[in-house]
Amino acid sequence: MPKTKLATSRFLICVENKGYKASLEKRKVYVSIPDAGALKHGQVRVVDESGEDYLYPKSLFLPITVSASLRKAILKAA
């Protein structure tokens, strides 16, 4: 996956939560926070179930594109 896609994606879907079952739910959409330093180390910064942002392996997520109306709804609910 190109680094730029993950770096610019505001939303990621969790495709694996091995080792992070208390913090991440599979098939759930998460808000990501851009962090170029984390990407250099193979990680992404994600707001998890605790409501705080943490670094996770980028292999646990795939970037998704959402419509403007869905984006607004997700951010309002977050």
PDB file of N, CA and C in Angstrom:
ATOM      1  N   MET A   1       0.842  -1.168   0.000  1.00  0.00           N
ATOM      2  CA  MET A   1       0.000   0.000   0.000  1.00  0.00           C
ATOM      3  C   MET A   1       0.892   1.238   0.000  1.00  0.00           C
ATOM      4  N   PRO A   2       0.646   2.173  -0.908  1.00  0.00           N
ATOM      5  CA  PRO A   2       1.478   3.372  -0.948  1.00  0.00           C
ATOM      6  C   PRO A   2       1.365   4.172   0.340  1.00  0.00           C
ATOM      7  N   LYS A   3       2.483   4.681   0.786  1.00  0.00           N
ATOM      8  CA  LYS A   3       2.524   5.450   2.029  1.00  0.00           C
ATOM      9  C   LYS A   3       1.584   6.643   1.971  1.00  0.00           C
ATOM     10  N   THR A   4       1.496   7.301   0.809  1.00  0.00           N
ATOM     11  CA  THR A   4       0.688   8.502   0.699  1.00  0.00           C
ATOM     12  C   THR A   4      -0.786   8.217   0.925  1.00  0.00           C
ATOM     13  N   LYS A   5      -1.291   7.054   0.554  1.00  0.00           N
ATOM     14  CA  LYS A   5      -2.700   6.719   0.761  1.00  0.00           C
ATOM     15  C   LYS A   5      -3.019   6.648   2.248  1.00  0.00           C
ATOM     16  N   LEU A   6      -2.189   5.972   3.026  1.00  0.00           N
ATOM     17  CA  LEU A   6      -2.413   5.907   4.466  1.00  0.00           C
ATOM     18  C   LEU A   6      -2.188   7.263   5.117  1.00  0.00           C
ATOM     19  N   ALA A   7      -1.229   8.004   4.631  1.00  0.00           N
ATOM     20  CA  ALA A   7      -0.902   9.303   5.220  1.00  0.00           C
ATOM     21  C   ALA A   7      -2.036  10.298   5.034  1.00  0.00           C
ATOM     22  N   THR A   8      -2.772  10.182   3.935  1.00  0.00           N
ATOM     23  CA  THR A   8      -3.829  11.154   3.654  1.00  0.00           C
ATOM     24  C   THR A   8      -5.211  10.655   4.039  1.00  0.00           C
ATOM     25  N   SER A   9      -5.356   9.385   4.363  1.00  0.00           N
ATOM     26  CA  SER A   9      -6.666   8.844   4.695  1.00  0.00           C
ATOM     27  C   SER A   9      -7.075   9.279   6.094  1.00  0.00           C
ATOM     28  N   ARG A  10      -8.248   9.818   6.188  1.00  0.00           N
ATOM     29  CA  ARG A  10      -8.774  10.267   7.474  1.00  0.00           C
ATOM     30  C   ARG A  10      -9.478   9.111   8.192  1.00  0.00           C
ATOM     31  N   PHE A  11      -9.927   8.133   7.398  1.00  0.00           N
ATOM     32  CA  PHE A  11     -10.663   7.009   7.953  1.00  0.00           C
ATOM     33  C   PHE A  11     -10.005   5.688   7.567  1.00  0.00           C
ATOM     34  N   LEU A  12      -9.917   4.799   8.546  1.00  0.00           N
ATOM     35  CA  LEU A  12      -9.341   3.483   8.330  1.00  0.00           C
ATOM     36  C   LEU A  12     -10.318   2.444   8.860  1.00  0.00           C
ATOM     37  N   ILE A  13     -10.362   1.292   8.207  1.00  0.00           N
ATOM     38  CA  ILE A  13     -11.184   0.193   8.717  1.00  0.00           C
ATOM     39  C   ILE A  13     -10.243  -0.851   9.292  1.00  0.00           C
ATOM     40  N   CYS A  14     -10.584  -1.336  10.469  1.00  0.00           N
ATOM     41  CA  CYS A  14      -9.769  -2.353  11.136  1.00  0.00           C
ATOM     42  C   CYS A  14     -10.057  -3.709  10.492  1.00  0.00           C
ATOM     43  N   VAL A  15      -9.024  -4.341   9.987  1.00  0.00           N
ATOM     44  CA  VAL A  15      -9.177  -5.654   9.352  1.00  0.00           C
ATOM     45  C   VAL A  15      -8.564  -6.766  10.208  1.00  0.00           C
ATOM     46  N   GLU A  16      -7.844  -6.395  11.245  1.00  0.00           N
ATOM     47  CA  GLU A  16      -7.234  -7.372  12.156  1.00  0.00           C
ATOM     48  C   GLU A  16      -7.002  -6.691  13.501  1.00  0.00           C
ATOM     49  N   ASN A  17      -7.268  -7.411  14.588  1.00  0.00           N
ATOM     50  CA  ASN A  17      -7.046  -6.822  15.917  1.00  0.00           C
ATOM     51  C   ASN A  17      -6.231  -7.735  16.835  1.00  0.00           C
ATOM     52  N   LYS A  18      -5.522  -8.686  16.251  1.00  0.00           N
ATOM     53  CA  LYS A  18      -4.722  -9.622  17.042  1.00  0.00           C
ATOM     54  C   LYS A  18      -3.737  -8.844  17.926  1.00  0.00           C
ATOM     55  N   GLY A  19      -3.820  -9.106  19.210  1.00  0.00           N
ATOM     56  CA  GLY A  19      -2.972  -8.420  20.175  1.00  0.00           C
ATOM     57  C   GLY A  19      -3.566  -7.112  20.691  1.00  0.00           C
ATOM     58  N   TYR A  20      -4.700  -6.699  20.114  1.00  0.00           N
ATOM     59  CA  TYR A  20      -5.318  -5.419  20.496  1.00  0.00           C
ATOM     60  C   TYR A  20      -6.830  -5.557  20.637  1.00  0.00           C
ATOM     61  N   LYS A  21      -7.308  -6.717  21.043  1.00  0.00           N
ATOM     62  CA  LYS A  21      -8.754  -6.990  21.078  1.00  0.00           C
ATOM     63  C   LYS A  21      -9.526  -6.049  22.002  1.00  0.00           C
ATOM     64  N   ALA A  22      -8.912  -5.562  23.058  1.00  0.00           N
ATOM     65  CA  ALA A  22      -9.596  -4.636  23.963  1.00  0.00           C
ATOM     66  C   ALA A  22      -9.646  -3.216  23.398  1.00  0.00           C
ATOM     67  N   SER A  23      -8.764  -2.917  22.458  1.00  0.00           N
ATOM     68  CA  SER A  23      -8.644  -1.555  21.940  1.00  0.00           C
ATOM     69  C   SER A  23      -9.238  -1.356  20.565  1.00  0.00           C
ATOM     70  N   LEU A  24      -9.313  -2.442  19.765  1.00  0.00           N
ATOM     71  CA  LEU A  24      -9.767  -2.333  18.375  1.00  0.00           C
ATOM     72  C   LEU A  24     -10.816  -3.391  18.065  1.00  0.00           C
ATOM     73  N   GLU A  25     -11.812  -3.000  17.282  1.00  0.00           N
ATOM     74  CA  GLU A  25     -12.842  -3.930  16.833  1.00  0.00           C
ATOM     75  C   GLU A  25     -12.688  -4.151  15.332  1.00  0.00           C
ATOM     76  N   LYS A  26     -12.654  -5.422  14.923  1.00  0.00           N
ATOM     77  CA  LYS A  26     -12.587  -5.726  13.497  1.00  0.00           C
ATOM     78  C   LYS A  26     -13.829  -5.198  12.793  1.00  0.00           C
ATOM     79  N   ARG A  27     -13.631  -4.742  11.560  1.00  0.00           N
ATOM     80  CA  ARG A  27     -14.687  -4.213  10.685  1.00  0.00           C
ATOM     81  C   ARG A  27     -15.231  -2.860  11.153  1.00  0.00           C
ATOM     82  N   LYS A  28     -14.602  -2.232  12.111  1.00  0.00           N
ATOM     83  CA  LYS A  28     -15.036  -0.908  12.575  1.00  0.00           C
ATOM     84  C   LYS A  28     -14.196   0.170  11.896  1.00  0.00           C
ATOM     85  N   VAL A  29     -14.850   1.292  11.592  1.00  0.00           N
ATOM     86  CA  VAL A  29     -14.162   2.434  10.993  1.00  0.00           C
ATOM     87  C   VAL A  29     -13.590   3.298  12.107  1.00  0.00           C
ATOM     88  N   TYR A  30     -12.314   3.662  11.957  1.00  0.00           N
ATOM     89  CA  TYR A  30     -11.632   4.500  12.935  1.00  0.00           C
ATOM     90  C   TYR A  30     -11.144   5.790  12.280  1.00  0.00           C
ATOM     91  N   VAL A  31     -11.129   6.840  13.065  1.00  0.00           N
ATOM     92  CA  VAL A  31     -10.568   8.116  12.622  1.00  0.00           C
ATOM     93  C   VAL A  31      -9.063   8.054  12.835  1.00  0.00           C
ATOM     94  N   SER A  32      -8.323   8.425  11.807  1.00  0.00           N
ATOM     95  CA  SER A  32      -6.864   8.449  11.937  1.00  0.00           C
ATOM     96  C   SER A  32      -6.379   9.884  12.037  1.00  0.00           C
ATOM     97  N   ILE A  33      -5.234  10.038  12.651  1.00  0.00           N
ATOM     98  CA  ILE A  33      -4.599  11.349  12.792  1.00  0.00           C
ATOM     99  C   ILE A  33      -3.279  11.283  12.034  1.00  0.00           C
ATOM    100  N   PRO A  34      -3.085  12.189  11.075  1.00  0.00           N
ATOM    101  CA  PRO A  34      -1.831  12.148  10.304  1.00  0.00           C
ATOM    102  C   PRO A  34      -0.603  12.204  11.213  1.00  0.00           C
ATOM    103  N   ASP A  35       0.346  11.310  10.949  1.00  0.00           N
ATOM    104  CA  ASP A  35       1.580  11.252  11.727  1.00  0.00           C
ATOM    105  C   ASP A  35       2.657  10.638  10.832  1.00  0.00           C
ATOM    106  N   ALA A  36       3.379  11.494  10.123  1.00  0.00           N
ATOM    107  CA  ALA A  36       4.396  11.029   9.179  1.00  0.00           C
ATOM    108  C   ALA A  36       5.488  10.226   9.874  1.00  0.00           C
ATOM    109  N   GLY A  37       5.836  10.592  11.082  1.00  0.00           N
ATOM    110  CA  GLY A  37       6.864   9.872  11.825  1.00  0.00           C
ATOM    111  C   GLY A  37       6.443   8.440  12.118  1.00  0.00           C
ATOM    112  N   ALA A  38       5.180   8.258  12.467  1.00  0.00           N
ATOM    113  CA  ALA A  38       4.668   6.915  12.740  1.00  0.00           C
ATOM    114  C   ALA A  38       4.710   6.059  11.480  1.00  0.00           C
ATOM    115  N   LEU A  39       4.331   6.635  10.349  1.00  0.00           N
ATOM    116  CA  LEU A  39       4.336   5.882   9.092  1.00  0.00           C
ATOM    117  C   LEU A  39       5.726   5.380   8.738  1.00  0.00           C
ATOM    118  N   LYS A  40       6.735   6.163   9.064  1.00  0.00           N
ATOM    119  CA  LYS A  40       8.116   5.744   8.787  1.00  0.00           C
ATOM    120  C   LYS A  40       8.477   4.480   9.559  1.00  0.00           C
ATOM    121  N   HIS A  41       7.747   4.230  10.646  1.00  0.00           N
ATOM    122  CA  HIS A  41       8.004   3.060  11.483  1.00  0.00           C
ATOM    123  C   HIS A  41       6.925   1.987  11.303  1.00  0.00           C
ATOM    124  N   GLY A  42       6.118   2.122  10.231  1.00  0.00           N
ATOM    125  CA  GLY A  42       5.107   1.114   9.933  1.00  0.00           C
ATOM    126  C   GLY A  42       3.888   1.170  10.834  1.00  0.00           C
ATOM    127  N   GLN A  43       3.599   2.355  11.380  1.00  0.00           N
ATOM    128  CA  GLN A  43       2.466   2.505  12.279  1.00  0.00           C
ATOM    129  C   GLN A  43       1.552   3.635  11.833  1.00  0.00           C
ATOM    130  N   VAL A  44       0.323   3.616  12.334  1.00  0.00           N
ATOM    131  CA  VAL A  44      -0.638   4.692  12.106  1.00  0.00           C
ATOM    132  C   VAL A  44      -1.184   5.140  13.455  1.00  0.00           C
ATOM    133  N   ARG A  45      -1.548   6.416  13.528  1.00  0.00           N
ATOM    134  CA  ARG A  45      -2.126   6.960  14.764  1.00  0.00           C
ATOM    135  C   ARG A  45      -3.647   6.931  14.608  1.00  0.00           C
ATOM    136  N   VAL A  46      -4.307   6.229  15.528  1.00  0.00           N
ATOM    137  CA  VAL A  46      -5.746   5.988  15.432  1.00  0.00           C
ATOM    138  C   VAL A  46      -6.413   6.326  16.764  1.00  0.00           C
ATOM    139  N   VAL A  47      -7.603   6.917  16.687  1.00  0.00           N
ATOM    140  CA  VAL A  47      -8.408   7.132  17.886  1.00  0.00           C
ATOM    141  C   VAL A  47      -9.149   5.818  18.126  1.00  0.00           C
ATOM    142  N   ASP A  48      -8.793   5.120  19.232  1.00  0.00           N
ATOM    143  CA  ASP A  48      -9.328   3.776  19.475  1.00  0.00           C
ATOM    144  C   ASP A  48     -10.544   3.798  20.403  1.00  0.00           C
ATOM    145  N   GLU A  49     -10.898   2.626  20.920  1.00  0.00           N
ATOM    146  CA  GLU A  49     -12.076   2.484  21.776  1.00  0.00           C
ATOM    147  C   GLU A  49     -12.011   3.313  23.056  1.00  0.00           C
ATOM    148  N   SER A  50     -10.820   3.669  23.493  1.00  0.00           N
ATOM    149  CA  SER A  50     -10.679   4.478  24.707  1.00  0.00           C
ATOM    150  C   SER A  50     -10.991   5.952  24.450  1.00  0.00           C
ATOM    151  N   GLY A  51     -11.050   6.325  23.167  1.00  0.00           N
ATOM    152  CA  GLY A  51     -11.281   7.721  22.816  1.00  0.00           C
ATOM    153  C   GLY A  51      -9.984   8.508  22.699  1.00  0.00           C
ATOM    154  N   GLU A  52      -8.868   7.850  22.962  1.00  0.00           N
ATOM    155  CA  GLU A  52      -7.546   8.472  22.863  1.00  0.00           C
ATOM    156  C   GLU A  52      -6.858   7.987  21.592  1.00  0.00           C
ATOM    157  N   ASP A  53      -5.859   8.752  21.132  1.00  0.00           N
ATOM    158  CA  ASP A  53      -5.121   8.311  19.949  1.00  0.00           C
ATOM    159  C   ASP A  53      -3.861   7.562  20.368  1.00  0.00           C
ATOM    160  N   TYR A  54      -3.645   6.443  19.681  1.00  0.00           N
ATOM    161  CA  TYR A  54      -2.491   5.584  19.932  1.00  0.00           C
ATOM    162  C   TYR A  54      -1.915   5.106  18.606  1.00  0.00           C
ATOM    163  N   LEU A  55      -0.694   4.648  18.653  1.00  0.00           N
ATOM    164  CA  LEU A  55      -0.055   4.089  17.464  1.00  0.00           C
ATOM    165  C   LEU A  55      -0.327   2.590  17.395  1.00  0.00           C
ATOM    166  N   TYR A  56      -0.651   2.138  16.179  1.00  0.00           N
ATOM    167  CA  TYR A  56      -0.889   0.715  15.910  1.00  0.00           C
ATOM    168  C   TYR A  56      -0.178   0.344  14.624  1.00  0.00           C
ATOM    169  N   PRO A  57       0.135  -0.938  14.454  1.00  0.00           N
ATOM    170  CA  PRO A  57       0.733  -1.381  13.193  1.00  0.00           C
ATOM    171  C   PRO A  57      -0.216  -1.084  12.029  1.00  0.00           C
ATOM    172  N   LYS A  58       0.313  -0.512  10.957  1.00  0.00           N
ATOM    173  CA  LYS A  58      -0.554  -0.153   9.827  1.00  0.00           C
ATOM    174  C   LYS A  58      -1.153  -1.374   9.153  1.00  0.00           C
ATOM    175  N   SER A  59      -0.566  -2.550   9.371  1.00  0.00           N
ATOM    176  CA  SER A  59      -1.098  -3.778   8.778  1.00  0.00           C
ATOM    177  C   SER A  59      -2.467  -4.165   9.336  1.00  0.00           C
ATOM    178  N   LEU A  60      -2.882  -3.545  10.429  1.00  0.00           N
ATOM    179  CA  LEU A  60      -4.180  -3.844  11.028  1.00  0.00           C
ATOM    180  C   LEU A  60      -5.326  -3.100  10.354  1.00  0.00           C
ATOM    181  N   PHE A  61      -5.002  -2.167   9.452  1.00  0.00           N
ATOM    182  CA  PHE A  61      -6.009  -1.284   8.868  1.00  0.00           C
ATOM    183  C   PHE A  61      -5.889  -1.184   7.355  1.00  0.00           C
ATOM    184  N   LEU A  62      -7.013  -0.807   6.738  1.00  0.00           N
ATOM    185  CA  LEU A  62      -7.029  -0.429   5.330  1.00  0.00           C
ATOM    186  C   LEU A  62      -7.696   0.939   5.242  1.00  0.00           C
ATOM    187  N   PRO A  63      -7.175   1.832   4.397  1.00  0.00           N
ATOM    188  CA  PRO A  63      -7.803   3.142   4.243  1.00  0.00           C
ATOM    189  C   PRO A  63      -9.101   3.023   3.465  1.00  0.00           C
ATOM    190  N   ILE A  64     -10.073   3.856   3.796  1.00  0.00           N
ATOM    191  CA  ILE A  64     -11.329   3.877   3.058  1.00  0.00           C
ATOM    192  C   ILE A  64     -11.664   5.306   2.661  1.00  0.00           C
ATOM    193  N   THR A  65     -12.428   5.420   1.600  1.00  0.00           N
ATOM    194  CA  THR A  65     -12.922   6.710   1.134  1.00  0.00           C
ATOM    195  C   THR A  65     -14.408   6.764   1.437  1.00  0.00           C
ATOM    196  N   VAL A  66     -14.854   7.862   2.016  1.00  0.00           N
ATOM    197  CA  VAL A  66     -16.271   8.001   2.361  1.00  0.00           C
ATOM    198  C   VAL A  66     -16.833   9.262   1.713  1.00  0.00           C
ATOM    199  N   SER A  67     -18.138   9.267   1.507  1.00  0.00           N
ATOM    200  CA  SER A  67     -18.801  10.439   0.939  1.00  0.00           C
ATOM    201  C   SER A  67     -18.769  11.577   1.961  1.00  0.00           C
ATOM    202  N   ALA A  68     -19.040  12.770   1.489  1.00  0.00           N
ATOM    203  CA  ALA A  68     -19.022  13.939   2.372  1.00  0.00           C
ATOM    204  C   ALA A  68     -20.059  13.806   3.482  1.00  0.00           C
ATOM    205  N   SER A  69     -21.240  13.284   3.170  1.00  0.00           N
ATOM    206  CA  SER A  69     -22.285  13.152   4.185  1.00  0.00           C
ATOM    207  C   SER A  69     -21.915  12.093   5.232  1.00  0.00           C
ATOM    208  N   LEU A  70     -21.308  10.992   4.788  1.00  0.00           N
ATOM    209  CA  LEU A  70     -20.880   9.966   5.736  1.00  0.00           C
ATOM    210  C   LEU A  70     -19.727  10.472   6.590  1.00  0.00           C
ATOM    211  N   ARG A  71     -18.816  11.203   5.977  1.00  0.00           N
ATOM    212  CA  ARG A  71     -17.693  11.795   6.717  1.00  0.00           C
ATOM    213  C   ARG A  71     -18.206  12.680   7.844  1.00  0.00           C
ATOM    214  N   LYS A  72     -19.174  13.512   7.526  1.00  0.00           N
ATOM    215  CA  LYS A  72     -19.752  14.425   8.518  1.00  0.00           C
ATOM    216  C   LYS A  72     -20.407  13.636   9.654  1.00  0.00           C
ATOM    217  N   ALA A  73     -21.137  12.578   9.307  1.00  0.00           N
ATOM    218  CA  ALA A  73     -21.813  11.763  10.317  1.00  0.00           C
ATOM    219  C   ALA A  73     -20.810  11.038  11.215  1.00  0.00           C
ATOM    220  N   ILE A  74     -19.753  10.505  10.629  1.00  0.00           N
ATOM    221  CA  ILE A  74     -18.735   9.800  11.421  1.00  0.00           C
ATOM    222  C   ILE A  74     -18.054  10.754  12.388  1.00  0.00           C
ATOM    223  N   LEU A  75     -17.669  11.918  11.901  1.00  0.00           N
ATOM    224  CA  LEU A  75     -16.973  12.879  12.762  1.00  0.00           C
ATOM    225  C   LEU A  75     -17.893  13.424  13.858  1.00  0.00           C
ATOM    226  N   LYS A  76     -19.171  13.563  13.546  1.00  0.00           N
ATOM    227  CA  LYS A  76     -20.128  14.035  14.551  1.00  0.00           C
ATOM    228  C   LYS A  76     -20.288  12.995  15.661  1.00  0.00           C
ATOM    229  N   ALA A  77     -20.290  11.715  15.279  1.00  0.00           N
ATOM    230  CA  ALA A  77     -20.467  10.638  16.250  1.00  0.00           C
ATOM    231  C   ALA A  77     -19.199  10.344  17.043  1.00  0.00           C
ATOM    232  N   ALA A  78     -18.053  10.760  16.526  1.00  0.00           N
ATOM    233  CA  ALA A  78     -16.772  10.437  17.176  1.00  0.00           C
ATOM    234  C   ALA A  78     -16.557  11.243  18.437  1.00  0.00           C
TER     235      ALA A  78
END
